[in-house]
Amino acid sequence: MSSSDSSYGDIHRYEPARESTAAAIAIVLLTVIEVVFVFLFVYGLMFAWASTEFGNMYMGALLALIFIDLAFVLLLYRKEFLPDVMIVKKRRRKWEDLYVNEEDKDGVGVETGDAWETVKRAIYPYYRK
């Protein structure tokens, strides 16, 4: 199927997830490690470990490890458990994004009438003649 015969929003490719058992075990282990890191971080906050220079670096390292571990959990989940889907999106012209009809895309010509009417229309666009 080429992009010319696909309409906007069609699913072009769908590959189901692998759902590997090794990845599921790795996610569980990384989640347990994540819980330990979060517990240590909260414990450190409760007992003011960050009040010393070494404790401050330790707390910063714990916070970095929490986010790195979370990144690996999300990476594994995204790679192994989410399907690979490609959706066709056609690029539209700017006047289509504004919900303008094709016959009105060039706009309306300038009226060479009463100047006072033009000023009224500029100030109050819903003004009727």
Protein backbone atom coordinates (compact mmCIF):
# COMPACT_ATOMS: atom_id res chain seq x y z
CA MET A 1 0.00 0.00 0.00
CA SER A 2 1.60 3.27 -1.08
CA SER A 3 1.00 6.61 0.58
CA SER A 4 -1.10 7.85 -2.36
CA ASP A 5 -3.93 5.34 -1.84
CA SER A 6 -3.94 5.65 1.98
CA SER A 7 -6.37 8.03 3.56
CA TYR A 8 -5.73 10.19 6.59
CA GLY A 9 -5.61 8.13 9.78
CA ASP A 10 -5.25 4.66 8.16
CA ILE A 11 -3.04 2.15 9.95
CA HIS A 12 -0.22 1.46 7.50
CA ARG A 13 1.73 -1.12 9.56
CA TYR A 14 0.82 -3.04 12.70
CA GLU A 15 3.24 -5.47 14.33
CA PRO A 16 2.12 -7.01 17.61
CA ALA A 17 4.40 -6.88 20.65
CA ARG A 18 6.85 -9.71 21.36
CA GLU A 19 5.90 -9.96 25.05
CA SER A 20 9.11 -11.70 26.08
CA THR A 21 9.27 -13.50 29.44
CA ALA A 22 12.86 -12.34 30.03
CA ALA A 23 11.75 -8.73 29.60
CA ALA A 24 8.89 -9.23 32.06
CA ILE A 25 11.30 -10.66 34.65
CA ALA A 26 13.75 -7.80 34.04
CA ILE A 27 10.96 -5.24 34.51
CA VAL A 28 9.93 -6.86 37.81
CA LEU A 29 13.54 -6.88 39.09
CA LEU A 30 14.12 -3.27 38.01
CA THR A 31 10.86 -2.28 39.74
CA VAL A 32 12.01 -3.90 43.00
CA ILE A 33 15.33 -2.02 42.72
CA GLU A 34 13.36 1.16 42.01
CA VAL A 35 11.32 0.70 45.19
CA VAL A 36 14.54 0.22 47.22
CA PHE A 37 16.06 3.40 45.77
CA VAL A 38 12.89 5.39 46.47
CA PHE A 39 12.77 4.05 50.04
CA LEU A 40 16.41 5.07 50.60
CA PHE A 41 15.75 8.52 49.14
CA VAL A 42 12.68 9.12 51.33
CA TYR A 43 14.54 7.77 54.39
CA GLY A 44 17.39 10.16 53.60
CA LEU A 45 14.97 13.07 53.35
CA MET A 46 13.37 12.18 56.67
CA PHE A 47 16.71 12.08 58.50
CA ALA A 48 18.29 15.09 56.72
CA TRP A 49 21.16 13.26 55.03
CA ALA A 50 21.46 16.16 52.58
CA SER A 51 22.59 18.55 55.33
CA THR A 52 26.23 17.48 54.88
CA GLU A 53 28.31 17.77 51.72
CA PHE A 54 28.72 14.01 51.31
CA GLY A 55 25.07 13.37 52.15
CA ASN A 56 23.98 15.93 49.55
CA MET A 57 25.99 14.13 46.86
CA TYR A 58 24.60 10.79 48.04
CA MET A 59 21.02 12.05 47.81
CA GLY A 60 21.67 13.47 44.34
CA ALA A 61 23.14 10.15 43.22
CA LEU A 62 20.11 8.30 44.62
CA LEU A 63 17.76 10.60 42.73
CA ALA A 64 19.75 10.07 39.53
CA LEU A 65 19.63 6.28 40.02
CA ILE A 66 15.86 6.45 40.53
CA PHE A 67 15.34 8.21 37.21
CA ILE A 68 17.85 6.02 35.31
CA ASP A 69 16.17 2.86 36.64
CA LEU A 70 12.75 4.24 35.71
CA ALA A 71 14.05 5.02 32.22
CA PHE A 72 15.16 1.40 31.76
CA VAL A 73 11.79 0.09 32.97
CA LEU A 74 9.95 2.33 30.50
CA LEU A 75 12.37 1.46 27.68
CA LEU A 76 11.87 -2.27 28.18
CA TYR A 77 8.10 -1.89 28.45
CA ARG A 78 7.89 0.22 25.30
CA LYS A 79 10.13 -2.10 23.28
CA GLU A 80 8.70 -5.45 24.38
CA PHE A 81 5.05 -4.85 25.28
CA LEU A 82 3.70 -2.09 23.03
CA PRO A 83 2.78 -2.87 19.40
CA ASP A 84 4.60 -1.18 16.53
CA VAL A 85 1.95 0.90 14.76
CA MET A 86 2.49 3.32 11.89
CA ILE A 87 -0.42 5.60 11.04
CA VAL A 88 -0.59 7.46 7.75
CA LYS A 89 -0.85 11.21 8.18
CA LYS A 90 -1.22 13.35 5.09
CA ARG A 91 0.06 16.89 5.18
CA ARG A 92 -2.77 19.34 4.66
CA ARG A 93 -2.62 22.81 3.24
CA LYS A 94 -2.91 25.72 5.67
CA TRP A 95 -6.37 26.80 4.55
CA GLU A 96 -7.66 23.29 5.34
CA ASP A 97 -6.50 23.62 8.95
CA LEU A 98 -8.62 26.75 9.31
CA TYR A 99 -11.76 24.89 8.15
CA VAL A 100 -12.08 27.09 5.07
CA ASN A 101 -13.95 25.76 2.05
CA GLU A 102 -11.87 25.29 -1.09
CA GLU A 103 -13.80 27.94 -3.02
CA ASP A 104 -13.12 30.48 -0.23
CA LYS A 105 -9.39 29.79 0.12
CA ASP A 106 -8.34 33.01 -1.67
CA GLY A 107 -10.44 35.17 0.63
CA VAL A 108 -12.75 38.06 -0.18
CA GLY A 109 -11.74 41.04 -2.26
CA VAL A 110 -11.47 44.56 -0.86
CA GLU A 111 -14.63 46.60 -1.19
CA THR A 112 -14.09 50.09 -2.54
CA GLY A 113 -17.20 51.50 -0.92
CA ASP A 114 -17.87 53.72 2.02
CA ALA A 115 -14.77 54.27 4.21
CA TRP A 116 -16.92 54.58 7.33
CA GLU A 117 -18.37 51.08 6.71
CA THR A 118 -14.81 49.69 6.46
CA VAL A 119 -13.88 51.28 9.80
CA LYS A 120 -17.02 49.83 11.43
CA ARG A 121 -16.14 46.36 10.10
CA ALA A 122 -12.55 46.65 11.37
CA ILE A 123 -13.72 47.59 14.87
CA TYR A 124 -16.72 45.27 15.05
CA PRO A 125 -16.35 42.30 12.69
CA TYR A 126 -19.95 41.11 13.18
CA TYR A 127 -21.37 44.44 12.00
CA ARG A 128 -24.03 44.01 9.27
CA LYS A 129 -24.79 46.59 6.63
